[in-house]
Amino acid sequence: MENTKKTFSARRMTSSAVCLALCMLLPLITGQNPMLGSALGLMHIPVLLCGFVSGPMHGAIIGLIAPLMRSAIFGMPPMIPMAVSMSYELMTYGLISGALYAALPKKTINIYISLITAMILGRIVFGAAMAIVTGATASVSIFLTATQTFTAAAFTDAIPALIVHIALIPIIVIALQKAKVIS
């Protein structure tokens, strides 16, 4: 019971709610240019931060619901296949960033290890979810085409977002550590 109280503390719930609100609002910055929004991955930033700040469970929950909620409210990203696939990707981001950050010693290098591992695993999950949602596993030739498309979409096309995340998130996490928002 003690552990459950710690997991669902008011501070973690509030931090998670702020991250969810940011997931709804940040993509509005690039609302007039969906390609730029997709390239920067602005919804991903609060989910990754939620994992660091609120822990893996909260990060996973916010990651799972944010794309679905944003699609239902704003119509972007499109529910099928993007929002559904993104929900699994972002769930992985929040879960892995939070779990690794909690497990590893609080050194700057481990922030990067947690972040990069979460992003790699999240992109793999995104590709698998897209393949399942779009039915790309119907035949071997479609699967091979889907694999090439996934590689381009998951890693090559995501390079600007990956750079933004690697440059921005550790700075924010270190600032939050210094401010004693996260321990």
N, C-alpha and C. Protein backbone atom coordinates (compact mmCIF):
# COMPACT_ATOMS: atom_id res chain seq x y z
N MET A 1 0.83 -1.20 0.00
CA MET A 1 0.00 0.00 0.00
C MET A 1 0.87 1.26 0.00
N GLU A 2 1.96 1.21 0.76
CA GLU A 2 2.88 2.35 0.83
C GLU A 2 3.45 2.69 -0.55
N ASN A 3 3.85 1.67 -1.32
CA ASN A 3 4.41 1.87 -2.65
C ASN A 3 3.37 2.47 -3.59
N THR A 4 2.12 2.04 -3.49
CA THR A 4 1.05 2.57 -4.33
C THR A 4 0.84 4.06 -4.04
N LYS A 5 0.88 4.44 -2.77
CA LYS A 5 0.72 5.85 -2.41
C LYS A 5 1.84 6.69 -3.02
N LYS A 6 3.08 6.14 -2.98
CA LYS A 6 4.21 6.86 -3.54
C LYS A 6 4.08 6.98 -5.06
N THR A 7 3.61 5.91 -5.72
CA THR A 7 3.46 5.91 -7.17
C THR A 7 2.42 6.92 -7.63
N PHE A 8 1.34 7.05 -6.88
CA PHE A 8 0.27 7.95 -7.28
C PHE A 8 0.18 9.17 -6.37
N SER A 9 1.31 9.76 -6.05
CA SER A 9 1.33 10.94 -5.20
C SER A 9 0.75 12.13 -5.97
N ALA A 10 0.33 13.12 -5.21
CA ALA A 10 -0.25 14.32 -5.82
C ALA A 10 0.76 15.01 -6.73
N ARG A 11 2.02 15.00 -6.33
CA ARG A 11 3.06 15.65 -7.13
C ARG A 11 3.23 14.96 -8.48
N ARG A 12 3.26 13.62 -8.46
CA ARG A 12 3.39 12.87 -9.72
C ARG A 12 2.16 13.04 -10.59
N MET A 13 0.99 13.03 -9.98
CA MET A 13 -0.26 13.19 -10.74
C MET A 13 -0.31 14.58 -11.38
N THR A 14 0.11 15.60 -10.63
CA THR A 14 0.11 16.96 -11.15
C THR A 14 1.12 17.11 -12.29
N SER A 15 2.32 16.56 -12.10
CA SER A 15 3.33 16.60 -13.15
C SER A 15 2.84 15.90 -14.41
N SER A 16 2.19 14.77 -14.23
CA SER A 16 1.65 14.01 -15.36
C SER A 16 0.57 14.81 -16.09
N ALA A 17 -0.29 15.48 -15.33
CA ALA A 17 -1.35 16.29 -15.93
C ALA A 17 -0.76 17.44 -16.74
N VAL A 18 0.29 18.05 -16.23
CA VAL A 18 0.97 19.13 -16.96
C VAL A 18 1.56 18.58 -18.25
N CYS A 19 2.18 17.41 -18.18
CA CYS A 19 2.76 16.80 -19.39
C CYS A 19 1.67 16.47 -20.41
N LEU A 20 0.53 15.97 -19.94
CA LEU A 20 -0.58 15.69 -20.86
C LEU A 20 -1.09 16.98 -21.51
N ALA A 21 -1.20 18.04 -20.73
CA ALA A 21 -1.62 19.33 -21.29
C ALA A 21 -0.62 19.81 -22.34
N LEU A 22 0.67 19.65 -22.07
CA LEU A 22 1.69 20.04 -23.04
C LEU A 22 1.60 19.20 -24.31
N CYS A 23 1.22 17.93 -24.16
CA CYS A 23 1.03 17.07 -25.35
C CYS A 23 -0.09 17.61 -26.23
N MET A 24 -1.07 18.22 -25.63
CA MET A 24 -2.17 18.79 -26.40
C MET A 24 -1.77 20.13 -27.03
N LEU A 25 -0.97 20.91 -26.32
CA LEU A 25 -0.68 22.28 -26.74
C LEU A 25 0.55 22.44 -27.63
N LEU A 26 1.64 21.75 -27.33
CA LEU A 26 2.87 21.96 -28.10
C LEU A 26 2.70 21.74 -29.61
N PRO A 27 1.97 20.72 -30.05
CA PRO A 27 1.81 20.55 -31.50
C PRO A 27 1.07 21.71 -32.18
N LEU A 28 0.37 22.53 -31.41
CA LEU A 28 -0.30 23.69 -31.99
C LEU A 28 0.70 24.72 -32.52
N ILE A 29 1.93 24.68 -31.99
CA ILE A 29 2.97 25.60 -32.44
C ILE A 29 3.23 25.41 -33.94
N THR A 30 3.20 24.16 -34.37
CA THR A 30 3.47 23.86 -35.78
C THR A 30 2.19 23.45 -36.52
N GLY A 31 1.04 23.82 -35.97
CA GLY A 31 -0.25 23.41 -36.52
C GLY A 31 -0.44 23.75 -37.99
N GLN A 32 0.12 24.86 -38.46
CA GLN A 32 -0.04 25.27 -39.85
C GLN A 32 0.89 24.51 -40.77
N ASN A 33 1.85 23.80 -40.20
CA ASN A 33 2.81 23.05 -41.00
C ASN A 33 2.97 21.65 -40.42
N PRO A 34 2.08 20.72 -40.79
CA PRO A 34 2.13 19.37 -40.22
C PRO A 34 3.44 18.65 -40.47
N MET A 35 4.11 18.92 -41.60
CA MET A 35 5.40 18.25 -41.86
C MET A 35 6.45 18.71 -40.85
N LEU A 36 6.45 19.99 -40.52
CA LEU A 36 7.38 20.50 -39.52
C LEU A 36 7.05 19.89 -38.15
N GLY A 37 5.77 19.83 -37.82
CA GLY A 37 5.34 19.23 -36.56
C GLY A 37 5.77 17.78 -36.45
N SER A 38 5.61 17.05 -37.54
CA SER A 38 6.02 15.65 -37.56
C SER A 38 7.54 15.53 -37.44
N ALA A 39 8.25 16.44 -38.07
CA ALA A 39 9.72 16.40 -38.04
C ALA A 39 10.26 16.71 -36.65
N LEU A 40 9.58 17.58 -35.90
CA LEU A 40 10.08 17.98 -34.59
C LEU A 40 9.59 17.09 -33.46
N GLY A 41 8.49 16.39 -33.66
CA GLY A 41 7.97 15.49 -32.62
C GLY A 41 7.67 16.19 -31.32
N LEU A 42 6.93 17.29 -31.37
CA LEU A 42 6.69 18.09 -30.17
C LEU A 42 5.84 17.36 -29.13
N MET A 43 4.98 16.43 -29.54
CA MET A 43 4.18 15.68 -28.57
C MET A 43 5.05 14.69 -27.80
N HIS A 44 6.15 14.29 -28.38
CA HIS A 44 7.02 13.30 -27.75
C HIS A 44 7.76 13.87 -26.54
N ILE A 45 8.08 15.15 -26.59
CA ILE A 45 8.88 15.78 -25.54
C ILE A 45 8.21 15.68 -24.17
N PRO A 46 6.95 16.07 -24.01
CA PRO A 46 6.34 15.96 -22.67
C PRO A 46 6.21 14.52 -22.19
N VAL A 47 6.02 13.58 -23.10
CA VAL A 47 5.91 12.18 -22.68
C VAL A 47 7.25 11.68 -22.15
N LEU A 48 8.33 11.98 -22.85
CA LEU A 48 9.65 11.59 -22.36
C LEU A 48 9.94 12.25 -21.01
N LEU A 49 9.61 13.53 -20.90
CA LEU A 49 9.81 14.22 -19.62
C LEU A 49 8.95 13.62 -18.52
N CYS A 50 7.75 13.21 -18.85
CA CYS A 50 6.86 12.59 -17.86
C CYS A 50 7.50 11.33 -17.29
N GLY A 51 8.13 10.54 -18.14
CA GLY A 51 8.83 9.36 -17.65
C GLY A 51 9.92 9.73 -16.66
N PHE A 52 10.70 10.77 -16.97
CA PHE A 52 11.77 11.20 -16.08
C PHE A 52 11.22 11.80 -14.78
N VAL A 53 10.21 12.63 -14.89
CA VAL A 53 9.71 13.38 -13.74
C VAL A 53 8.75 12.56 -12.88
N SER A 54 7.82 11.88 -13.51
CA SER A 54 6.74 11.21 -12.76
C SER A 54 6.92 9.71 -12.64
N GLY A 55 7.86 9.14 -13.38
CA GLY A 55 8.11 7.71 -13.28
C GLY A 55 7.55 6.94 -14.46
N PRO A 56 7.94 5.66 -14.55
CA PRO A 56 7.58 4.87 -15.73
C PRO A 56 6.08 4.62 -15.88
N MET A 57 5.37 4.40 -14.79
CA MET A 57 3.94 4.12 -14.91
C MET A 57 3.18 5.34 -15.44
N HIS A 58 3.46 6.50 -14.89
CA HIS A 58 2.80 7.72 -15.35
C HIS A 58 3.21 8.06 -16.78
N GLY A 59 4.51 7.90 -17.06
CA GLY A 59 4.99 8.15 -18.42
C GLY A 59 4.30 7.26 -19.43
N ALA A 60 4.13 5.98 -19.10
CA ALA A 60 3.46 5.05 -20.01
C ALA A 60 1.99 5.41 -20.20
N ILE A 61 1.32 5.77 -19.13
CA ILE A 61 -0.11 6.11 -19.22
C ILE A 61 -0.30 7.37 -20.06
N ILE A 62 0.49 8.41 -19.79
CA ILE A 62 0.38 9.66 -20.56
C ILE A 62 0.72 9.39 -22.02
N GLY A 63 1.76 8.60 -22.27
CA GLY A 63 2.14 8.27 -23.64
C GLY A 63 1.05 7.52 -24.37
N LEU A 64 0.37 6.63 -23.68
CA LEU A 64 -0.70 5.84 -24.30
C LEU A 64 -1.90 6.71 -24.67
N ILE A 65 -2.29 7.60 -23.76
CA ILE A 65 -3.54 8.34 -24.01
C ILE A 65 -3.37 9.64 -24.79
N ALA A 66 -2.19 10.25 -24.76
CA ALA A 66 -2.01 11.57 -25.38
C ALA A 66 -2.34 11.60 -26.87
N PRO A 67 -1.78 10.70 -27.71
CA PRO A 67 -2.11 10.78 -29.14
C PRO A 67 -3.58 10.49 -29.43
N LEU A 68 -4.16 9.57 -28.68
CA LEU A 68 -5.57 9.23 -28.88
C LEU A 68 -6.46 10.41 -28.49
N MET A 69 -6.13 11.04 -27.36
CA MET A 69 -6.90 12.20 -26.91
C MET A 69 -6.75 13.37 -27.87
N ARG A 70 -5.53 13.60 -28.32
CA ARG A 70 -5.29 14.71 -29.25
C ARG A 70 -6.01 14.48 -30.56
N SER A 71 -6.02 13.25 -31.03
CA SER A 71 -6.74 12.92 -32.26
C SER A 71 -8.24 13.14 -32.08
N ALA A 72 -8.78 12.71 -30.94
CA ALA A 72 -10.21 12.87 -30.68
C ALA A 72 -10.61 14.34 -30.55
N ILE A 73 -9.76 15.15 -29.95
CA ILE A 73 -10.08 16.56 -29.72
C ILE A 73 -9.80 17.43 -30.94
N PHE A 74 -8.62 17.27 -31.53
CA PHE A 74 -8.16 18.16 -32.60
C PHE A 74 -8.19 17.54 -33.98
N GLY A 75 -8.39 16.23 -34.06
CA GLY A 75 -8.39 15.55 -35.36
C GLY A 75 -7.00 15.28 -35.91
N MET A 76 -5.98 15.60 -35.14
CA MET A 76 -4.58 15.36 -35.53
C MET A 76 -3.84 14.78 -34.35
N PRO A 77 -3.06 13.79 -34.52
CA PRO A 77 -2.84 13.03 -35.76
C PRO A 77 -4.07 12.21 -36.09
N PRO A 78 -4.20 11.79 -37.36
CA PRO A 78 -5.34 10.96 -37.73
C PRO A 78 -5.38 9.70 -36.86
N MET A 79 -6.57 9.34 -36.41
CA MET A 79 -6.70 8.22 -35.47
C MET A 79 -6.05 6.94 -36.01
N ILE A 80 -6.43 6.57 -37.25
CA ILE A 80 -5.90 5.35 -37.87
C ILE A 80 -5.07 5.78 -39.07
N PRO A 81 -3.85 5.40 -39.21
CA PRO A 81 -3.05 4.55 -38.35
C PRO A 81 -2.19 5.32 -37.35
N MET A 82 -2.07 6.65 -37.51
CA MET A 82 -1.06 7.42 -36.76
C MET A 82 -1.27 7.45 -35.25
N ALA A 83 -2.42 7.92 -34.79
CA ALA A 83 -2.62 8.08 -33.34
C ALA A 83 -2.52 6.75 -32.61
N VAL A 84 -3.08 5.70 -33.21
CA VAL A 84 -3.01 4.38 -32.57
C VAL A 84 -1.56 3.93 -32.49
N SER A 85 -0.83 4.04 -33.58
CA SER A 85 0.58 3.63 -33.58
C SER A 85 1.42 4.50 -32.66
N MET A 86 1.17 5.80 -32.69
CA MET A 86 1.91 6.72 -31.82
C MET A 86 1.64 6.43 -30.35
N SER A 87 0.43 5.99 -30.02
CA SER A 87 0.13 5.73 -28.61
C SER A 87 1.03 4.62 -28.07
N TYR A 88 1.30 3.61 -28.86
CA TYR A 88 2.21 2.54 -28.42
C TYR A 88 3.66 3.03 -28.36
N GLU A 89 4.02 3.84 -29.35
CA GLU A 89 5.37 4.41 -29.37
C GLU A 89 5.60 5.27 -28.13
N LEU A 90 4.66 6.19 -27.86
CA LEU A 90 4.83 7.11 -26.75
C LEU A 90 4.70 6.39 -25.40
N MET A 91 3.88 5.36 -25.33
CA MET A 91 3.80 4.55 -24.12
C MET A 91 5.18 3.96 -23.83
N THR A 92 5.84 3.46 -24.87
CA THR A 92 7.18 2.90 -24.72
C THR A 92 8.16 3.98 -24.29
N TYR A 93 8.07 5.17 -24.90
CA TYR A 93 8.94 6.29 -24.52
C TYR A 93 8.82 6.57 -23.01
N GLY A 94 7.61 6.76 -22.55
CA GLY A 94 7.39 7.10 -21.14
C GLY A 94 7.83 6.00 -20.20
N LEU A 95 7.51 4.76 -20.56
CA LEU A 95 7.86 3.61 -19.72
C LEU A 95 9.37 3.43 -19.62
N ILE A 96 10.04 3.42 -20.76
CA ILE A 96 11.49 3.13 -20.77
C ILE A 96 12.29 4.30 -20.20
N SER A 97 11.95 5.53 -20.56
CA SER A 97 12.71 6.66 -20.02
C SER A 97 12.58 6.70 -18.50
N GLY A 98 11.37 6.47 -17.99
CA GLY A 98 11.16 6.48 -16.54
C GLY A 98 11.81 5.32 -15.83
N ALA A 99 11.71 4.12 -16.40
CA ALA A 99 12.27 2.92 -15.76
C ALA A 99 13.80 2.98 -15.71
N LEU A 100 14.42 3.36 -16.82
CA LEU A 100 15.88 3.44 -16.84
C LEU A 100 16.40 4.57 -15.95
N TYR A 101 15.71 5.71 -15.99
CA TYR A 101 16.14 6.83 -15.15
C TYR A 101 16.06 6.45 -13.67
N ALA A 102 15.01 5.71 -13.30
CA ALA A 102 14.86 5.28 -11.91
C ALA A 102 15.91 4.24 -11.52
N ALA A 103 16.27 3.39 -12.46
CA ALA A 103 17.17 2.27 -12.16
C ALA A 103 18.65 2.66 -12.18
N LEU A 104 19.00 3.60 -13.02
CA LEU A 104 20.42 3.95 -13.19
C LEU A 104 20.84 5.04 -12.20
N PRO A 105 22.13 5.08 -11.86
CA PRO A 105 22.62 6.17 -11.01
C PRO A 105 22.36 7.53 -11.66
N LYS A 106 22.12 8.53 -10.85
CA LYS A 106 21.74 9.85 -11.34
C LYS A 106 22.95 10.63 -11.85
N LYS A 107 23.50 10.16 -12.97
CA LYS A 107 24.60 10.84 -13.64
C LYS A 107 24.09 11.35 -14.97
N THR A 108 24.69 12.41 -15.46
CA THR A 108 24.25 13.02 -16.72
C THR A 108 24.26 12.02 -17.87
N ILE A 109 25.28 11.19 -17.95
CA ILE A 109 25.36 10.22 -19.05
C ILE A 109 24.17 9.27 -19.04
N ASN A 110 23.66 8.96 -17.83
CA ASN A 110 22.53 8.05 -17.74
C ASN A 110 21.21 8.68 -18.20
N ILE A 111 21.13 9.99 -18.17
CA ILE A 111 19.97 10.67 -18.76
C ILE A 111 19.97 10.40 -20.26
N TYR A 112 21.13 10.54 -20.87
CA TYR A 112 21.25 10.27 -22.31
C TYR A 112 20.99 8.81 -22.63
N ILE A 113 21.53 7.91 -21.81
CA ILE A 113 21.30 6.48 -22.04
C ILE A 113 19.80 6.16 -21.95
N SER A 114 19.14 6.69 -20.93
CA SER A 114 17.70 6.46 -20.76
C SER A 114 16.93 7.02 -21.95
N LEU A 115 17.26 8.23 -22.35
CA LEU A 115 16.57 8.91 -23.45
C LEU A 115 16.76 8.19 -24.77
N ILE A 116 17.99 7.90 -25.12
CA ILE A 116 18.28 7.28 -26.42
C ILE A 116 17.70 5.86 -26.49
N THR A 117 17.81 5.11 -25.40
CA THR A 117 17.22 3.76 -25.38
C THR A 117 15.71 3.84 -25.55
N ALA A 118 15.07 4.76 -24.85
CA ALA A 118 13.62 4.93 -24.97
C ALA A 118 13.22 5.30 -26.40
N MET A 119 14.00 6.19 -27.02
CA MET A 119 13.67 6.61 -28.39
C MET A 119 13.85 5.47 -29.38
N ILE A 120 14.91 4.69 -29.24
CA ILE A 120 15.13 3.57 -30.17
C ILE A 120 14.03 2.53 -30.02
N LEU A 121 13.76 2.13 -28.77
CA LEU A 121 12.71 1.12 -28.56
C LEU A 121 11.33 1.65 -28.96
N GLY A 122 11.08 2.91 -28.69
CA GLY A 122 9.80 3.51 -29.09
C GLY A 122 9.60 3.50 -30.59
N ARG A 123 10.66 3.82 -31.34
CA ARG A 123 10.55 3.81 -32.81
C ARG A 123 10.33 2.40 -33.34
N ILE A 124 10.96 1.41 -32.70
CA ILE A 124 10.74 0.02 -33.12
C ILE A 124 9.28 -0.37 -32.86
N VAL A 125 8.78 0.00 -31.69
CA VAL A 125 7.37 -0.29 -31.37
C VAL A 125 6.45 0.44 -32.35
N PHE A 126 6.78 1.68 -32.69
CA PHE A 126 5.98 2.43 -33.66
C PHE A 126 5.92 1.68 -34.99
N GLY A 127 7.05 1.22 -35.47
CA GLY A 127 7.08 0.48 -36.73
C GLY A 127 6.25 -0.78 -36.68
N ALA A 128 6.36 -1.52 -35.57
CA ALA A 128 5.57 -2.74 -35.42
C ALA A 128 4.09 -2.42 -35.35
N ALA A 129 3.73 -1.38 -34.63
CA ALA A 129 2.32 -0.99 -34.52
C ALA A 129 1.77 -0.55 -35.88
N MET A 130 2.56 0.23 -36.62
CA MET A 130 2.12 0.65 -37.96
C MET A 130 1.91 -0.56 -38.86
N ALA A 131 2.81 -1.53 -38.78
CA ALA A 131 2.69 -2.73 -39.60
C ALA A 131 1.41 -3.49 -39.26
N ILE A 132 1.12 -3.59 -37.98
CA ILE A 132 -0.08 -4.31 -37.55
C ILE A 132 -1.33 -3.53 -37.92
N VAL A 133 -1.34 -2.25 -37.64
CA VAL A 133 -2.53 -1.42 -37.90
C VAL A 133 -2.83 -1.34 -39.39
N THR A 134 -1.82 -1.22 -40.20
CA THR A 134 -2.05 -1.09 -41.64
C THR A 134 -2.12 -2.44 -42.34
N GLY A 135 -1.92 -3.53 -41.60
CA GLY A 135 -2.01 -4.86 -42.20
C GLY A 135 -0.86 -5.17 -43.12
N ALA A 136 0.29 -4.59 -42.85
CA ALA A 136 1.44 -4.76 -43.75
C ALA A 136 2.06 -6.16 -43.67
N THR A 137 1.58 -6.99 -42.77
CA THR A 137 2.15 -8.33 -42.65
C THR A 137 1.41 -9.34 -43.51
N ALA A 138 0.59 -8.89 -44.45
CA ALA A 138 -0.23 -9.79 -45.27
C ALA A 138 0.60 -10.71 -46.15
N SER A 139 1.71 -10.24 -46.65
CA SER A 139 2.55 -11.10 -47.49
C SER A 139 4.01 -10.70 -47.30
N VAL A 140 4.89 -11.56 -47.76
CA VAL A 140 6.33 -11.32 -47.60
C VAL A 140 6.75 -10.06 -48.35
N SER A 141 6.28 -9.87 -49.57
CA SER A 141 6.69 -8.69 -50.34
C SER A 141 6.20 -7.41 -49.68
N ILE A 142 4.98 -7.44 -49.18
CA ILE A 142 4.47 -6.26 -48.49
C ILE A 142 5.27 -6.03 -47.21
N PHE A 143 5.63 -7.12 -46.53
CA PHE A 143 6.42 -7.01 -45.31
C PHE A 143 7.78 -6.38 -45.59
N LEU A 144 8.44 -6.79 -46.67
CA LEU A 144 9.75 -6.22 -47.02
C LEU A 144 9.62 -4.75 -47.36
N THR A 145 8.58 -4.39 -48.10
CA THR A 145 8.33 -2.99 -48.43
C THR A 145 8.05 -2.21 -47.15
N ALA A 146 7.25 -2.80 -46.28
CA ALA A 146 6.93 -2.14 -45.01
C ALA A 146 8.18 -1.96 -44.16
N THR A 147 9.09 -2.93 -44.19
CA THR A 147 10.34 -2.83 -43.43
C THR A 147 11.17 -1.66 -43.93
N GLN A 148 11.27 -1.52 -45.26
CA GLN A 148 12.02 -0.39 -45.82
C GLN A 148 11.34 0.93 -45.48
N THR A 149 10.02 0.96 -45.58
CA THR A 149 9.27 2.17 -45.26
C THR A 149 9.43 2.51 -43.78
N PHE A 150 9.35 1.46 -42.93
CA PHE A 150 9.51 1.67 -41.49
C PHE A 150 10.89 2.26 -41.18
N THR A 151 11.93 1.70 -41.77
CA THR A 151 13.28 2.18 -41.51
C THR A 151 13.39 3.66 -41.88
N ALA A 152 12.84 4.01 -43.02
CA ALA A 152 12.87 5.42 -43.44
C ALA A 152 12.06 6.28 -42.48
N ALA A 153 10.84 5.84 -42.17
CA ALA A 153 9.96 6.65 -41.32
C ALA A 153 10.44 6.69 -39.88
N ALA A 154 10.88 5.57 -39.36
CA ALA A 154 11.22 5.49 -37.95
C ALA A 154 12.55 6.14 -37.61
N PHE A 155 13.50 6.07 -38.51
CA PHE A 155 14.81 6.58 -38.16
C PHE A 155 15.27 7.71 -39.07
N THR A 156 15.27 7.52 -40.36
CA THR A 156 15.76 8.55 -41.27
C THR A 156 14.90 9.81 -41.21
N ASP A 157 13.58 9.65 -41.35
CA ASP A 157 12.68 10.79 -41.34
C ASP A 157 12.59 11.45 -39.97
N ALA A 158 12.95 10.70 -38.94
CA ALA A 158 12.83 11.20 -37.57
C ALA A 158 14.10 11.89 -37.06
N ILE A 159 15.11 12.00 -37.89
CA ILE A 159 16.39 12.58 -37.43
C ILE A 159 16.22 13.98 -36.84
N PRO A 160 15.47 14.90 -37.45
CA PRO A 160 15.31 16.21 -36.81
C PRO A 160 14.70 16.12 -35.41
N ALA A 161 13.69 15.28 -35.24
CA ALA A 161 13.06 15.12 -33.92
C ALA A 161 14.05 14.51 -32.93
N LEU A 162 14.79 13.52 -33.37
CA LEU A 162 15.76 12.88 -32.48
C LEU A 162 16.81 13.89 -32.02
N ILE A 163 17.26 14.74 -32.92
CA ILE A 163 18.25 15.77 -32.57
C ILE A 163 17.66 16.75 -31.56
N VAL A 164 16.43 17.21 -31.83
CA VAL A 164 15.77 18.15 -30.91
C VAL A 164 15.62 17.51 -29.53
N HIS A 165 15.18 16.26 -29.49
CA HIS A 165 14.97 15.58 -28.21
C HIS A 165 16.28 15.40 -27.44
N ILE A 166 17.32 14.97 -28.15
CA ILE A 166 18.61 14.73 -27.49
C ILE A 166 19.23 16.05 -27.01
N ALA A 167 18.99 17.13 -27.73
CA ALA A 167 19.53 18.43 -27.33
C ALA A 167 18.73 19.06 -26.19
N LEU A 168 17.42 18.90 -26.20
CA LEU A 168 16.54 19.63 -25.29
C LEU A 168 16.24 18.89 -23.98
N ILE A 169 15.90 17.63 -24.06
CA ILE A 169 15.40 16.91 -22.88
C ILE A 169 16.44 16.79 -21.77
N PRO A 170 17.68 16.41 -22.05
CA PRO A 170 18.65 16.35 -20.94
C PRO A 170 18.83 17.69 -20.23
N ILE A 171 18.81 18.78 -20.97
CA ILE A 171 18.94 20.11 -20.35
C ILE A 171 17.78 20.35 -19.39
N ILE A 172 16.57 19.99 -19.83
CA ILE A 172 15.39 20.18 -18.97
C ILE A 172 15.47 19.28 -17.74
N VAL A 173 15.85 18.02 -17.93
CA VAL A 173 15.95 17.08 -16.80
C VAL A 173 16.99 17.57 -15.80
N ILE A 174 18.14 18.01 -16.27
CA ILE A 174 19.19 18.52 -15.37
C ILE A 174 18.69 19.76 -14.62
N ALA A 175 17.99 20.65 -15.31
CA ALA A 175 17.43 21.84 -14.66
C ALA A 175 16.41 21.44 -13.59
N LEU A 176 15.57 20.45 -13.90
CA LEU A 176 14.58 19.98 -12.92
C LEU A 176 15.25 19.30 -11.73
N GLN A 177 16.36 18.61 -11.96
CA GLN A 177 17.13 18.01 -10.86
C GLN A 177 17.69 19.11 -9.95
N LYS A 178 18.27 20.12 -10.55
CA LYS A 178 18.85 21.21 -9.77
C LYS A 178 17.79 21.98 -8.99
N ALA A 179 16.59 22.07 -9.57
CA ALA A 179 15.48 22.75 -8.90
C ALA A 179 14.80 21.83 -7.87
N LYS A 180 15.29 20.60 -7.76
CA LYS A 180 14.76 19.58 -6.85
C LYS A 180 13.31 19.22 -7.15
N VAL A 181 12.92 19.36 -8.43
CA VAL A 181 11.60 18.89 -8.85
C VAL A 181 11.60 17.39 -8.99
N ILE A 182 12.75 16.85 -9.43
CA ILE A 182 12.94 15.40 -9.46
C ILE A 182 14.21 15.07 -8.70
N SER A 183 14.19 13.91 -8.07
CA SER A 183 15.35 13.55 -7.24
C SER A 183 16.27 12.62 -8.00
